[in-house]
Protein backbone atom coordinates (compact mmCIF):
# COMPACT_ATOMS: atom_id res chain seq x y z
CA MET A 1 49.49 136.64 -36.48
CA SER A 2 46.68 139.15 -36.87
CA ASN A 3 44.45 136.40 -38.29
CA ARG A 4 45.17 134.28 -35.27
CA LYS A 5 44.30 137.13 -32.90
CA TRP A 6 41.14 137.78 -34.86
CA SER A 7 40.09 134.11 -34.61
CA LEU A 8 40.82 134.04 -30.89
CA GLY A 9 38.80 137.20 -30.38
CA LEU A 10 35.92 135.71 -32.32
CA VAL A 11 35.94 132.62 -30.10
CA VAL A 12 35.89 134.83 -26.99
CA VAL A 13 32.95 136.82 -28.36
CA VAL A 14 31.03 133.63 -29.14
CA LEU A 15 31.69 132.25 -25.64
CA VAL A 16 30.60 135.49 -23.98
CA PHE A 17 27.48 135.62 -26.15
CA GLY A 18 26.67 132.00 -25.31
CA TYR A 19 27.11 132.66 -21.60
CA VAL A 20 24.85 135.71 -21.74
CA LEU A 21 22.25 133.72 -23.70
CA ILE A 22 22.28 130.88 -21.17
CA ARG A 23 21.86 133.30 -18.27
CA PHE A 24 19.02 135.00 -20.10
CA PHE A 25 17.10 131.76 -20.58
CA ALA A 26 17.81 130.68 -16.99
CA SER A 27 16.47 133.99 -15.69
CA THR A 28 13.41 133.70 -17.93
CA THR A 29 12.72 130.19 -16.60
CA MET A 30 13.04 131.37 -13.00
CA VAL A 31 10.67 134.27 -13.61
CA ASP A 32 8.14 131.97 -15.32
CA ASP A 33 8.35 129.55 -12.39
CA LEU A 34 7.83 132.40 -9.90
CA ILE A 35 4.83 133.69 -11.84
CA HIS A 36 3.42 130.15 -12.03
CA ARG A 37 3.67 129.82 -8.24
CA MET A 38 1.97 133.18 -7.72
CA GLU A 39 -0.97 132.41 -10.00
CA PRO A 40 -4.28 131.82 -8.15
CA GLY A 41 -5.16 128.13 -7.82
CA LYS A 42 -1.62 127.07 -8.77
CA ALA A 43 -0.31 126.60 -5.23
CA ALA A 44 1.55 123.37 -4.54
CA ALA A 45 -0.65 120.60 -3.17
CA PRO A 46 -0.21 120.03 0.58
CA PRO A 47 1.58 116.82 1.54
CA ALA A 48 -0.62 113.79 2.18
CA LYS A 49 -1.60 113.34 5.81
CA HIS A 50 -0.10 110.25 7.39
CA ILE A 51 -2.57 108.03 9.29
CA VAL A 52 -1.57 104.91 11.26
CA LEU A 53 -4.11 102.07 11.50
CA ILE A 54 -3.18 99.50 14.18
CA ALA A 55 -5.05 96.21 13.71
CA GLN A 56 -5.85 93.65 16.37
CA GLU A 57 -4.30 90.98 14.14
CA LEU A 58 -2.40 91.84 10.97
CA ASP A 59 -3.83 89.23 8.57
CA ASN A 60 -7.30 88.92 10.09
CA PRO A 61 -9.86 89.24 7.24
CA PHE A 62 -11.96 91.70 9.26
CA TRP A 63 -9.03 94.09 9.68
CA ARG A 64 -7.87 93.66 6.10
CA GLU A 65 -11.32 94.74 4.93
CA MET A 66 -11.22 97.70 7.29
CA LYS A 67 -7.88 98.72 5.77
CA GLN A 68 -9.35 98.52 2.26
CA GLY A 69 -12.18 100.86 3.23
CA ALA A 70 -9.72 103.23 4.91
CA ASP A 71 -7.41 103.18 1.86
CA GLN A 72 -10.24 104.05 -0.52
CA ALA A 73 -11.41 106.98 1.59
CA ALA A 74 -7.83 108.15 2.20
CA GLU A 75 -7.04 108.24 -1.52
CA ARG A 76 -9.96 110.59 -2.12
CA LEU A 77 -9.11 112.83 0.83
CA GLY A 78 -5.37 113.18 0.37
CA MET A 79 -4.24 110.85 3.15
CA LYS A 80 -1.88 107.89 3.32
CA ILE A 81 -2.54 104.82 5.49
CA ASP A 82 0.26 103.03 7.33
CA TYR A 83 -1.19 99.64 8.34
CA THR A 84 0.38 97.62 11.15
CA GLY A 85 -0.55 95.16 13.89
CA PRO A 86 0.54 92.02 15.74
CA ILE A 87 1.00 88.84 13.68
CA ARG A 88 -1.01 87.03 16.36
CA ILE A 89 -3.45 88.63 18.78
CA ASP A 90 -1.36 90.24 21.51
CA PRO A 91 -2.67 93.28 23.46
CA SER A 92 0.80 94.10 24.77
CA GLU A 93 2.08 94.24 21.18
CA GLN A 94 -0.81 96.54 20.24
CA SER A 95 0.28 98.87 23.06
CA ARG A 96 3.89 98.76 21.89
CA LEU A 97 2.83 99.57 18.33
CA LEU A 98 0.73 102.50 19.57
CA GLU A 99 3.72 103.88 21.47
CA LYS A 100 5.87 103.45 18.36
CA ALA A 101 3.25 105.21 16.22
CA ILE A 102 3.13 108.18 18.61
CA ALA A 103 6.93 108.50 18.40
CA ALA A 104 6.65 108.71 14.58
CA LYS A 105 4.33 111.76 14.97
CA PRO A 106 1.68 110.87 12.36
CA ASP A 107 -1.28 113.13 11.60
CA GLY A 108 -3.75 110.66 13.12
CA ILE A 109 -4.06 107.17 14.65
CA LEU A 110 -6.83 104.55 14.43
CA VAL A 111 -6.72 101.87 17.14
CA GLN A 112 -8.86 99.17 18.70
CA GLY A 113 -9.82 99.86 22.30
CA LEU A 114 -8.30 97.48 24.85
CA GLY A 115 -9.93 98.58 28.10
CA SER A 116 -6.54 99.14 29.73
CA ALA A 117 -5.36 101.97 31.98
CA ASP A 118 -1.91 101.87 30.33
CA TYR A 119 -3.57 102.11 26.92
CA ASP A 120 -5.60 105.10 28.12
CA ARG A 121 -2.35 106.82 29.11
CA LEU A 122 -0.88 106.21 25.67
CA ILE A 123 -3.95 107.68 24.00
CA ALA A 124 -3.68 110.71 26.30
CA LYS A 125 0.01 111.01 25.36
CA ALA A 126 -0.93 111.15 21.67
CA ILE A 127 -3.65 113.75 22.27
CA ASP A 128 -1.23 115.89 24.31
CA GLN A 129 1.11 115.88 21.30
CA GLY A 130 -1.69 117.02 19.00
CA ILE A 131 -2.23 113.60 17.39
CA PRO A 132 -5.95 112.74 17.06
CA VAL A 133 -6.85 109.17 18.07
CA LEU A 134 -10.04 107.38 17.01
CA THR A 135 -11.01 103.92 18.27
CA VAL A 136 -12.44 101.36 15.83
CA ASP A 137 -14.12 97.96 16.35
CA ALA A 138 -13.88 98.25 20.16
CA ASP A 139 -14.13 101.49 22.11
CA GLU A 140 -11.99 102.92 24.89
CA PRO A 141 -14.74 105.08 26.42
CA GLY A 142 -12.79 106.15 29.49
CA SER A 143 -9.91 107.50 27.43
CA ARG A 144 -9.43 110.84 25.67
CA ARG A 145 -9.98 109.36 22.22
CA LEU A 146 -11.85 111.77 19.93
CA ALA A 147 -14.49 109.28 18.76
CA TYR A 148 -15.41 105.62 18.37
CA VAL A 149 -16.33 104.20 14.95
CA GLY A 150 -17.83 100.74 14.73
CA THR A 151 -20.67 98.44 15.68
CA ASP A 152 -22.98 99.21 18.59
CA ASN A 153 -21.89 95.98 20.25
CA ARG A 154 -24.48 95.89 23.01
CA LYS A 155 -27.27 96.26 20.46
CA ALA A 156 -25.62 93.57 18.33
CA GLY A 157 -25.81 91.24 21.33
CA GLU A 158 -29.47 92.10 21.84
CA ARG A 159 -30.12 91.41 18.19
CA MET A 160 -28.47 88.02 18.52
CA GLY A 161 -30.87 87.33 21.38
CA GLU A 162 -33.79 88.19 19.12
CA LEU A 163 -32.54 85.73 16.51
CA VAL A 164 -32.10 82.91 19.01
CA VAL A 165 -35.45 83.44 20.72
CA GLY A 166 -37.25 83.94 17.43
CA SER A 167 -36.10 80.65 15.90
CA ALA A 168 -35.63 78.21 18.80
CA GLN A 169 -38.57 75.97 19.62
CA GLY A 170 -39.90 75.84 23.17
CA GLY A 171 -37.02 77.64 24.87
CA GLY A 172 -33.62 76.20 25.52
CA ARG A 173 -30.27 76.11 27.23
CA ILE A 174 -27.63 78.23 25.53
CA GLY A 175 -23.86 78.13 25.39
CA VAL A 176 -21.83 81.18 24.33
CA ILE A 177 -18.37 81.40 22.81
CA ILE A 178 -16.77 84.86 22.95
CA GLY A 179 -13.53 85.85 21.29
CA SER A 180 -11.90 87.18 24.44
CA GLU A 181 -12.99 87.96 27.97
CA PHE A 182 -10.73 91.02 27.89
CA ALA A 183 -12.13 92.67 24.73
CA ASP A 184 -14.68 95.40 25.37
CA ASN A 185 -16.66 94.63 22.20
CA GLN A 186 -17.01 90.96 23.18
CA ARG A 187 -18.13 91.87 26.70
CA GLN A 188 -20.74 94.25 25.36
CA ARG A 189 -22.13 91.67 22.93
CA LEU A 190 -22.41 89.17 25.77
CA GLU A 191 -24.06 91.73 28.05
CA GLY A 192 -26.62 92.66 25.40
CA PHE A 193 -27.36 89.01 24.68
CA ARG A 194 -27.74 88.10 28.35
CA ALA A 195 -30.00 91.08 28.97
CA TYR A 196 -32.31 90.05 26.16
CA VAL A 197 -32.61 86.30 26.77
CA SER A 198 -32.85 86.66 30.57
CA GLY A 199 -36.17 88.41 30.09
CA ILE A 200 -37.66 85.52 28.10
CA PRO A 201 -39.06 82.58 30.11
CA GLY A 202 -37.52 79.22 29.24
CA TYR A 203 -34.18 80.56 28.01
CA GLN A 204 -30.93 80.44 29.98
CA VAL A 205 -27.24 80.96 29.26
CA VAL A 206 -25.62 78.00 31.02
CA ASP A 207 -21.97 78.38 29.93
CA VAL A 208 -19.66 81.05 28.48
CA ARG A 209 -16.15 80.28 27.22
CA SER A 210 -13.46 82.16 25.28
CA SER A 211 -12.00 81.01 21.96
CA ASN A 212 -9.15 83.55 22.05
CA ILE A 213 -10.37 84.55 18.58
CA SER A 214 -9.23 81.21 17.18
CA ARG A 215 -11.18 78.65 15.16
CA ILE A 216 -9.31 75.83 16.89
CA GLY A 217 -10.00 77.45 20.24
CA ALA A 218 -13.71 77.71 19.44
CA ALA A 219 -13.80 74.03 18.40
CA LYS A 220 -12.16 72.86 21.62
CA LYS A 221 -14.33 75.04 23.86
CA ALA A 222 -17.54 74.04 22.06
CA GLU A 223 -16.69 70.34 22.37
CA ALA A 224 -15.91 70.68 26.08
CA MET A 225 -19.05 72.73 26.62
CA LEU A 226 -21.29 70.12 24.98
CA ARG A 227 -19.70 67.24 26.90
CA GLN A 228 -20.14 69.04 30.21
CA HIS A 229 -23.63 70.39 29.42
CA PRO A 230 -25.43 67.91 27.13
CA GLU A 231 -28.65 69.88 27.68
CA ILE A 232 -27.32 72.75 25.54
CA GLY A 233 -29.35 73.09 22.37
CA THR A 234 -27.95 76.39 21.05
CA ILE A 235 -24.42 77.80 20.83
CA VAL A 236 -23.72 81.40 19.90
CA GLY A 237 -20.32 82.61 18.68
CA PHE A 238 -19.50 86.31 19.06
CA SER A 239 -16.26 86.56 17.05
CA ALA A 240 -15.76 85.90 13.35
CA LEU A 241 -13.95 82.55 13.66
CA ASP A 242 -16.27 81.06 16.27
CA ALA A 243 -19.11 79.65 14.13
CA GLY A 244 -16.82 77.49 11.99
CA GLY A 245 -15.03 76.24 15.10
CA ILE A 246 -18.31 75.47 16.86
CA LEU A 247 -19.31 73.18 13.97
CA GLU A 248 -16.04 71.28 14.37
CA GLY A 249 -16.56 71.02 18.13
CA MET A 250 -20.08 69.65 17.60
CA LYS A 251 -18.71 66.98 15.29
CA ALA A 252 -16.03 66.02 17.82
CA ALA A 253 -18.69 65.77 20.54
CA GLY A 254 -20.96 63.67 18.33
CA ARG A 255 -23.72 66.26 18.31
CA GLU A 256 -25.74 67.25 15.26
CA ASP A 257 -28.80 68.69 16.99
CA VAL A 258 -27.32 72.03 18.13
CA ARG A 259 -28.40 75.36 16.65
CA VAL A 260 -25.41 77.55 15.81
CA TYR A 261 -25.30 81.33 15.41
CA GLY A 262 -22.25 83.26 14.32
CA PHE A 263 -20.78 86.71 13.79
CA ASP A 264 -19.54 88.24 10.52
CA ASP A 265 -19.44 86.56 7.12
CA LEU A 266 -16.27 84.59 6.64
CA GLU A 267 -16.36 81.94 3.92
CA ALA A 268 -16.75 79.11 6.45
CA THR A 269 -19.74 80.87 8.00
CA ARG A 270 -21.36 81.47 4.62
CA LYS A 271 -20.90 77.83 3.66
CA GLY A 272 -22.34 76.71 6.99
CA ILE A 273 -25.42 78.88 6.48
CA ALA A 274 -25.86 77.69 2.90
CA ALA A 275 -25.68 74.07 4.07
CA GLY A 276 -28.15 74.69 6.89
CA ASP A 277 -25.55 73.96 9.59
CA ILE A 278 -25.54 77.55 10.87
CA GLU A 279 -28.83 79.33 11.52
CA ALA A 280 -27.70 82.91 10.97
CA SER A 281 -24.85 85.36 11.47
CA ILE A 282 -24.78 89.03 12.42
CA VAL A 283 -22.58 90.81 9.91
CA GLN A 284 -20.51 93.92 10.56
CA GLU A 285 -19.24 96.32 7.89
CA PRO A 286 -15.46 96.64 8.38
CA ARG A 287 -14.94 98.48 5.07
CA GLU A 288 -17.44 101.12 6.11
CA ILE A 289 -15.86 101.35 9.57
CA GLY A 290 -12.47 102.11 7.98
CA ALA A 291 -13.92 104.57 5.49
CA GLN A 292 -16.00 106.43 8.09
CA ALA A 293 -13.05 106.69 10.46
CA ILE A 294 -11.00 108.41 7.75
CA ARG A 295 -13.90 110.73 6.90
CA LEU A 296 -14.23 111.69 10.55
CA LEU A 297 -10.51 112.48 10.72
CA ASP A 298 -10.91 114.66 7.64
CA ARG A 299 -13.73 116.54 9.38
CA TRP A 300 -11.54 117.02 12.44
CA PHE A 301 -8.67 118.32 10.31
CA ARG A 302 -11.12 120.88 8.89
CA GLY A 303 -11.96 122.10 12.37
CA GLU A 304 -15.25 120.27 12.96
CA LYS A 305 -16.25 118.81 16.31
CA LEU A 306 -16.76 115.04 16.18
CA PRO A 307 -19.60 113.03 17.73
CA PRO A 308 -18.21 110.78 20.49
CA GLN A 309 -19.70 107.64 18.90
CA HIS A 310 -20.34 106.84 15.26
CA PHE A 311 -22.16 103.53 14.96
CA ILE A 312 -22.10 101.48 11.74
CA ALA A 313 -25.21 99.38 11.10
CA THR A 314 -25.07 95.58 11.00
CA SER A 315 -27.10 93.14 8.90
CA VAL A 316 -28.14 89.50 9.32
CA LEU A 317 -26.96 86.70 7.06
CA VAL A 318 -29.52 83.89 6.75
CA ARG A 319 -30.37 81.00 4.44
CA GLU A 320 -32.99 81.99 1.91
CA HIS A 321 -34.26 79.48 -0.67
CA GLY A 322 -31.12 77.39 -0.48
CA GLN A 323 -28.68 80.33 -0.62
CA THR A 324 -27.24 82.79 1.87
CA GLY A 325 -28.65 86.28 1.82
CA GLY A 326 -28.67 89.36 4.01
CA THR A 327 -31.55 91.00 5.76
CA ALA A 328 -32.06 94.68 6.34
CA PRO A 329 -30.00 96.43 9.07
């Protein structure tokens, strides 16, 4: 009986010792963790800032490139990009997505300007809630957005005028295809172009039509334009899909003698320039637009005041010795 009591007592002692040992190691671990947190330079990293980028069209190559530039800058600066946008171009859907983004309370929002009073109110709503809003690609200058990042679109239009006047022979009648009559960036490009060519004797814009940022739309409008105005010798496209569509419209209208100028450097545009079917294209830098927008947000988060406009230089894509190549900004 005494042996049994002794064995039971020994078990109890071992259990108590084990419990005390476990508590000792647990306390040691907690103290080490506390000391680790208190050490200089060992503070936990702040959570990544959440930025919403709302595209004009979700799968548009221009906006996809902008997202890539934004992602690369965000990774270096401790931010996370949430990319969204309409499947097809739809300003009302862009407004709905902006309202939804504001409700999610992100740390910042990047949007395309729409030139709408309702859109201005949404931007003001975000600012009132402490959410910085930057416009990209197209500005919303009358709104309370912090800054615009993108092409100086009026100057891009003027530069297009320089290209047309510099290469056309003996003046000419010009047709223009714009992406949308409602988009501020398209209007500014057209205004800059008109201002330049109107000052040159012998040049005249005789027709302006909208492609609705669609290659098929550009083809149909170019064909109709050439049938109605056979005197047109030059057609300029001011959105990325226009130049390729204009070539199709020329073919449908049975015209091969029209000079074509485009915007941006999609594969169809590059091929057209390489083949000599397109004279030149003004090229934007969507990756740099996305990257610079994120860098500006980072500056704002660090308490810096932002410039109201941050223009990204363009270049010109032309045919050089049988291949496409860019010229200086």
